[in-house]
């Protein structure tokens, strides 16, 4: 990796944080209020973006409204963390509208996943800041059953502690991984939602893959589309820069009906097996209840033989 990322400070009781909806719309005012209460229950004060409950078709308000909320949070020195209420779609539409100068001047904590992958890439490349790939607030604390207690525990640890997470097998009590390609590799963490990551290729917001450990997950994508995305990552040279790959959960990605087509696991294996770098499968990350929080840009060791990822560096310092 060509840059050394900066880190936010850990959040403490009484800190002010922002709650915004920079991608899709919240389904109800009650759900948004539940997100606010969840953050307050962590001992935080909450500024809710004025447009956080807005809707414009499939977006959480107009591009101008969503960018304005984000920029207000970036420019306010009292705000120490920015949390996304949910994912959805729309992040890519406002990447060019964010105040990266304000972001570079103040190392705020930022967290989210799914469509929020686009912002993680932008903060890495445009700001030089480590961010947290983690369940959104609605996903983690409001929607019943969407996140396990262990996943919530890791999320809270990540935003309040300066201690590295260490072994994911231990932290998430996870023992269901398997190696597609064995071996051991070390590098910075990069990745997120596969279909969103691919949209960053060729833009100034694409994270640096050189020497990285790539983690991928997705939801609602047919296997042939997963092939398309992975092929694009290969043709762009992105995959060739990596030290290792961690494959998370690909939920609702089964082939249609009785098509007779190969399943997602088979297609992904076909696309990646020949890379000759360690590849670990069935990792606990994605649009699933057991969704681990990972600090983007931080160093980690992938041990595919032992089916573990060891996070060596904390998000917060």
Protein backbone atom coordinates (compact mmCIF):
# COMPACT_ATOMS: atom_id res chain seq x y z
CA UNK A 1 0.00 0.00 0.00
CA UNK A 2 1.43 3.36 -1.00
CA UNK A 3 -0.05 5.46 1.81
CA UNK A 4 -0.04 5.24 5.60
CA UNK A 5 -3.60 5.72 6.78
CA UNK A 6 -4.61 7.98 9.64
CA UNK A 7 -6.87 6.70 12.41
CA UNK A 8 -9.74 8.19 14.41
CA UNK A 9 -9.79 8.37 18.18
CA UNK A 10 -12.03 5.93 20.08
CA UNK A 11 -15.47 7.19 20.98
CA UNK A 12 -16.22 7.79 24.64
CA UNK A 13 -19.40 8.45 26.59
CA UNK A 14 -20.79 11.91 25.89
CA UNK A 15 -19.20 12.25 22.45
CA UNK A 16 -21.35 13.75 19.71
CA UNK A 17 -21.86 11.58 16.62
CA UNK A 18 -23.79 12.07 13.39
CA UNK A 19 -26.51 9.77 12.07
CA UNK A 20 -27.03 10.16 8.31
CA UNK A 21 -28.71 8.29 5.44
CA UNK A 22 -26.29 8.89 2.54
CA UNK A 23 -27.61 6.06 0.34
CA UNK A 24 -31.13 4.63 0.42
CA UNK A 25 -34.15 5.89 2.39
CA UNK A 26 -35.12 4.77 5.85
CA UNK A 27 -38.40 2.82 5.70
CA UNK A 28 -40.01 4.83 8.51
CA UNK A 29 -39.53 7.63 11.00
CA UNK A 30 -39.82 5.02 13.76
CA UNK A 31 -36.87 3.07 12.34
CA UNK A 32 -34.74 6.22 12.16
CA UNK A 33 -35.65 7.12 15.73
CA UNK A 34 -34.68 3.60 16.75
CA UNK A 35 -31.23 4.21 15.27
CA UNK A 36 -30.89 7.41 17.27
CA UNK A 37 -31.93 5.65 20.48
CA UNK A 38 -29.47 2.82 19.81
CA UNK A 39 -26.57 5.27 19.61
CA UNK A 40 -27.78 7.10 22.71
CA UNK A 41 -27.90 3.77 24.54
CA UNK A 42 -24.17 3.49 23.83
CA UNK A 43 -23.71 6.71 25.81
CA UNK A 44 -23.34 8.96 22.76
CA UNK A 45 -25.04 12.23 21.89
CA UNK A 46 -26.58 12.17 18.44
CA UNK A 47 -26.99 14.76 15.70
CA UNK A 48 -29.48 13.44 13.15
CA UNK A 49 -28.97 14.81 9.64
CA UNK A 50 -31.97 16.93 8.54
CA UNK A 51 -32.49 14.73 5.48
CA UNK A 52 -31.82 11.40 7.23
CA UNK A 53 -35.50 10.50 7.02
CA UNK A 54 -36.11 11.83 3.52
CA UNK A 55 -37.05 9.81 0.45
CA UNK A 56 -36.72 10.45 -3.26
CA UNK A 57 -37.68 7.25 -5.02
CA UNK A 58 -34.92 4.75 -4.09
CA UNK A 59 -32.69 7.43 -2.56
CA UNK A 60 -32.61 8.90 0.95
CA UNK A 61 -33.30 12.36 -0.43
CA UNK A 62 -31.78 14.28 -3.31
CA UNK A 63 -28.06 14.14 -3.99
CA UNK A 64 -27.77 17.70 -2.67
CA UNK A 65 -29.60 16.87 0.57
CA UNK A 66 -27.59 13.74 1.31
CA UNK A 67 -24.27 15.42 0.51
CA UNK A 68 -25.21 18.42 2.65
CA UNK A 69 -25.85 16.22 5.70
CA UNK A 70 -22.55 14.40 5.15
CA UNK A 71 -20.58 17.63 4.71
CA UNK A 72 -22.17 19.24 7.76
CA UNK A 73 -20.97 16.27 9.80
CA UNK A 74 -17.48 16.42 8.26
CA UNK A 75 -17.15 20.15 8.95
CA UNK A 76 -18.39 20.17 12.55
CA UNK A 77 -15.37 19.69 14.85
CA UNK A 78 -17.59 18.62 17.74
CA UNK A 79 -18.82 15.55 15.82
CA UNK A 80 -16.40 12.67 16.48
CA UNK A 81 -18.08 9.89 14.51
CA UNK A 82 -20.36 9.45 11.50
CA UNK A 83 -22.74 6.49 11.35
CA UNK A 84 -24.87 5.43 8.40
CA UNK A 85 -28.44 4.47 9.21
CA UNK A 86 -28.57 1.95 6.34
CA UNK A 87 -27.11 1.06 2.94
CA UNK A 88 -29.21 0.65 -0.19
CA UNK A 89 -28.10 2.67 -3.20
CA UNK A 90 -26.89 6.20 -3.81
CA UNK A 91 -23.42 6.52 -2.28
CA UNK A 92 -21.67 6.69 -5.62
CA UNK A 93 -23.84 9.60 -6.73
CA UNK A 94 -22.37 11.95 -4.12
CA UNK A 95 -18.71 10.88 -3.95
CA UNK A 96 -17.62 13.92 -5.96
CA UNK A 97 -19.65 16.25 -3.70
CA UNK A 98 -18.01 15.46 -0.37
CA UNK A 99 -15.71 17.91 1.41
CA UNK A 100 -12.54 15.83 1.50
CA UNK A 101 -10.49 18.79 2.71
CA UNK A 102 -12.65 18.93 5.84
CA UNK A 103 -12.29 15.16 6.22
CA UNK A 104 -8.49 15.39 5.95
CA UNK A 105 -8.42 18.09 8.63
CA UNK A 106 -10.24 15.99 11.24
CA UNK A 107 -9.89 12.23 11.69
CA UNK A 108 -13.50 11.32 12.39
CA UNK A 109 -14.69 7.76 12.88
CA UNK A 110 -16.86 6.51 10.01
CA UNK A 111 -18.79 3.23 9.86
CA UNK A 112 -21.18 1.31 7.60
CA UNK A 113 -21.33 -1.46 4.99
CA UNK A 114 -23.05 -2.59 1.78
CA UNK A 115 -23.48 0.49 -0.47
CA UNK A 116 -21.31 2.34 2.06
CA UNK A 117 -18.38 0.45 0.50
CA UNK A 118 -18.12 3.38 -1.91
CA UNK A 119 -17.40 5.81 0.94
CA UNK A 120 -14.80 3.47 2.45
CA UNK A 121 -12.93 3.52 -0.85
CA UNK A 122 -13.17 7.30 -1.10
CA UNK A 123 -11.97 7.92 2.46
CA UNK A 124 -9.03 5.59 1.94
CA UNK A 125 -7.91 7.12 -1.34
CA UNK A 126 -8.99 10.76 -1.01
CA UNK A 127 -8.47 11.29 2.73
CA UNK A 128 -5.98 8.67 3.86
CA UNK A 129 -8.26 7.62 6.72
CA UNK A 130 -8.98 4.17 8.12
CA UNK A 131 -12.73 3.53 8.38
CA UNK A 132 -14.87 0.72 9.77
CA UNK A 133 -16.67 -1.77 7.56
CA UNK A 134 -19.44 -2.64 10.01
CA UNK A 135 -23.19 -3.26 10.24
CA UNK A 136 -25.18 -0.08 9.77
CA UNK A 137 -27.05 1.15 12.84
CA UNK A 138 -30.44 -0.09 11.68
CA UNK A 139 -28.96 -3.47 10.75
CA UNK A 140 -27.06 -3.84 14.01
CA UNK A 141 -29.47 -2.52 16.61
CA UNK A 142 -32.96 -1.89 15.23
CA UNK A 143 -34.08 -4.67 12.90
CA UNK A 144 -34.74 -7.71 15.07
CA UNK A 145 -32.53 -10.66 14.27
CA UNK A 146 -30.31 -8.93 11.74
CA UNK A 147 -27.14 -8.96 13.83
CA UNK A 148 -25.86 -11.40 16.47
CA UNK A 149 -24.80 -10.35 19.95
CA UNK A 150 -21.18 -11.20 19.13
CA UNK A 151 -21.25 -9.04 16.00
CA UNK A 152 -22.63 -6.13 18.03
CA UNK A 153 -19.95 -6.71 20.68
CA UNK A 154 -17.19 -6.55 18.05
CA UNK A 155 -18.72 -3.39 16.56
CA UNK A 156 -18.77 -1.63 19.94
CA UNK A 157 -15.22 -2.81 20.67
CA UNK A 158 -14.03 -1.45 17.33
CA UNK A 159 -15.36 2.06 17.92
CA UNK A 160 -14.42 2.40 21.59
CA UNK A 161 -11.10 0.56 22.00
CA UNK A 162 -7.52 0.95 20.82
CA UNK A 163 -6.91 -2.80 21.14
CA UNK A 164 -6.68 -4.78 17.87
CA UNK A 165 -9.42 -7.33 17.30
CA UNK A 166 -6.98 -10.20 16.78
CA UNK A 167 -8.30 -13.61 15.72
CA UNK A 168 -11.69 -13.52 14.04
CA UNK A 169 -12.17 -17.20 14.87
CA UNK A 170 -12.02 -16.26 18.55
CA UNK A 171 -13.79 -12.91 18.43
CA UNK A 172 -16.75 -14.26 16.46
CA UNK A 173 -16.63 -17.85 17.77
CA UNK A 174 -16.48 -18.89 14.13
CA UNK A 175 -15.29 -22.28 12.91
CA UNK A 176 -17.02 -22.75 9.56
CA UNK A 177 -14.36 -21.49 7.16
CA UNK A 178 -12.57 -23.48 4.51
CA UNK A 179 -9.62 -22.80 2.25
CA UNK A 180 -10.16 -22.49 -1.47
CA UNK A 181 -6.40 -22.02 -1.78
CA UNK A 182 -4.16 -22.69 1.22
CA UNK A 183 -1.33 -20.56 2.50
CA UNK A 184 -0.58 -17.53 4.62
CA UNK A 185 -0.41 -13.84 3.66
CA UNK A 186 -0.21 -10.45 5.32
CA UNK A 187 -1.53 -7.11 4.10
CA UNK A 188 -3.90 -4.21 4.64
CA UNK A 189 -7.64 -4.86 4.59
CA UNK A 190 -9.51 -3.69 1.52
CA UNK A 191 -12.87 -4.55 0.00
CA UNK A 192 -16.52 -4.69 0.94
CA UNK A 193 -19.57 -5.30 -1.21
CA UNK A 194 -18.33 -6.78 -4.52
CA UNK A 195 -20.85 -5.12 -6.83
CA UNK A 196 -20.18 -1.70 -5.27
CA UNK A 197 -16.40 -2.09 -5.22
CA UNK A 198 -16.41 -2.76 -8.97
CA UNK A 199 -18.12 0.58 -9.59
CA UNK A 200 -15.08 2.35 -8.09
CA UNK A 201 -12.64 0.94 -10.66
CA UNK A 202 -11.23 3.70 -12.85
CA UNK A 203 -12.31 6.45 -10.42
CA UNK A 204 -10.20 8.44 -7.94
CA UNK A 205 -12.19 6.77 -5.16
CA UNK A 206 -10.95 3.22 -5.76
CA UNK A 207 -8.94 1.84 -2.83
CA UNK A 208 -5.35 0.71 -3.38
CA UNK A 209 -5.16 -3.10 -3.72
CA UNK A 210 -1.36 -3.40 -3.80
CA UNK A 211 -0.26 -5.86 -1.15
CA UNK A 212 -3.76 -6.04 0.33
CA UNK A 213 -6.02 -8.71 1.79
CA UNK A 214 -9.28 -8.34 -0.14
CA UNK A 215 -12.55 -9.27 1.57
CA UNK A 216 -15.73 -9.58 -0.47
CA UNK A 217 -19.43 -10.15 0.16
CA UNK A 218 -22.70 -9.43 -1.65
CA UNK A 219 -26.41 -10.05 -1.73
CA UNK A 220 -29.10 -10.56 -4.35
CA UNK A 221 -26.72 -11.14 -7.26
CA UNK A 222 -27.09 -13.97 -9.75
CA UNK A 223 -23.94 -16.14 -10.07
CA UNK A 224 -23.27 -14.95 -13.63
CA UNK A 225 -23.19 -11.37 -12.35
CA UNK A 226 -20.69 -12.36 -9.66
CA UNK A 227 -18.60 -13.78 -12.52
CA UNK A 228 -18.93 -10.45 -14.33
CA UNK A 229 -17.74 -8.45 -11.33
CA UNK A 230 -14.81 -10.75 -10.57
CA UNK A 231 -13.82 -10.77 -14.23
CA UNK A 232 -13.80 -6.97 -14.22
CA UNK A 233 -11.60 -6.93 -11.11
CA UNK A 234 -9.24 -9.33 -12.88
CA UNK A 235 -9.12 -7.41 -16.19
CA UNK A 236 -8.51 -4.11 -14.39
CA UNK A 237 -5.43 -5.57 -12.69
CA UNK A 238 -6.97 -5.22 -9.22
CA UNK A 239 -6.82 -8.93 -8.35
CA UNK A 240 -3.24 -9.23 -9.53
CA UNK A 241 -2.05 -6.75 -6.87
CA UNK A 242 -3.38 -8.70 -3.89
CA UNK A 243 -1.66 -10.87 -1.29
CA UNK A 244 -4.80 -12.78 -0.32
CA UNK A 245 -8.59 -12.96 -0.51
CA UNK A 246 -11.29 -13.55 2.10
CA UNK A 247 -14.71 -14.53 0.76
CA UNK A 248 -17.65 -13.68 2.99
CA UNK A 249 -21.32 -14.49 2.60
CA UNK A 250 -23.08 -14.22 -0.75
CA UNK A 251 -26.69 -14.23 0.41
CA UNK A 252 -29.65 -14.71 -1.95
CA UNK A 253 -27.21 -15.36 -4.81
CA UNK A 254 -28.60 -18.72 -5.93
CA UNK A 255 -29.26 -19.28 -9.66
CA UNK A 256 -32.81 -18.72 -10.82
CA UNK A 257 -35.27 -21.57 -10.41
CA UNK A 258 -34.54 -24.68 -12.45
CA UNK A 259 -31.97 -23.02 -14.72
CA UNK A 260 -29.48 -25.80 -14.05
CA UNK A 261 -26.71 -23.22 -13.71
CA UNK A 262 -23.85 -23.58 -11.25
CA UNK A 263 -24.26 -22.08 -7.78
CA UNK A 264 -22.44 -19.00 -6.52
CA UNK A 265 -19.68 -20.94 -4.71
CA UNK A 266 -18.84 -22.90 -7.86
CA UNK A 267 -18.75 -19.79 -10.01
CA UNK A 268 -16.57 -17.86 -7.55
CA UNK A 269 -14.16 -20.79 -7.28
CA UNK A 270 -13.91 -20.97 -11.06
CA UNK A 271 -13.10 -17.25 -11.23
CA UNK A 272 -10.45 -17.18 -8.49
CA UNK A 273 -8.76 -20.54 -7.96
CA UNK A 274 -5.91 -19.90 -10.42
CA UNK A 275 -4.72 -16.72 -8.67
CA UNK A 276 -2.29 -18.77 -6.55
CA UNK A 277 -2.72 -16.64 -3.43
CA UNK A 278 -4.34 -17.75 -0.16
CA UNK A 279 -8.15 -17.66 -0.38
CA UNK A 280 -10.42 -18.30 2.60
CA UNK A 281 -14.15 -18.99 2.14
CA UNK A 282 -17.31 -18.70 4.24
CA UNK A 283 -15.97 -15.83 6.34
CA UNK A 284 -18.45 -14.20 8.78
CA UNK A 285 -19.04 -10.96 6.93
CA UNK A 286 -21.87 -9.77 4.72
CA UNK A 287 -25.62 -9.31 4.69
CA UNK A 288 -26.01 -11.88 7.45
CA UNK A 289 -26.56 -11.77 11.21
CA UNK A 290 -22.97 -12.82 11.98
CA UNK A 291 -21.33 -9.79 10.38
CA UNK A 292 -17.89 -8.91 11.75
CA UNK A 293 -16.58 -5.32 11.79
CA UNK A 294 -13.24 -4.84 10.02
CA UNK A 295 -10.96 -1.77 10.06
CA UNK A 296 -10.28 -0.76 6.46
CA UNK A 297 -6.62 -0.24 5.60
CA UNK A 298 -5.39 -1.89 8.79
CA UNK A 299 -2.87 -4.73 8.74
CA UNK A 300 -4.03 -8.32 9.06
CA UNK A 301 -2.68 -11.82 8.55
CA UNK A 302 -4.71 -14.32 6.56
CA UNK A 303 -4.03 -17.95 7.49
CA UNK A 304 -6.15 -19.92 5.06
CA UNK A 305 -4.83 -23.26 6.36
CA UNK A 306 -5.96 -22.43 9.90
CA UNK A 307 -9.13 -20.78 8.54
CA UNK A 308 -8.50 -17.53 10.35
CA UNK A 309 -7.95 -13.83 9.80
CA UNK A 310 -5.93 -12.06 12.49
CA UNK A 311 -6.51 -8.30 12.62
CA UNK A 312 -3.25 -6.83 13.90
CA UNK A 313 -4.12 -3.14 13.96
CA UNK A 314 -7.01 -1.30 15.60
CA UNK A 315 -9.24 1.22 13.87
CA UNK A 316 -8.82 3.70 16.71
CA UNK A 317 -5.63 5.09 18.23
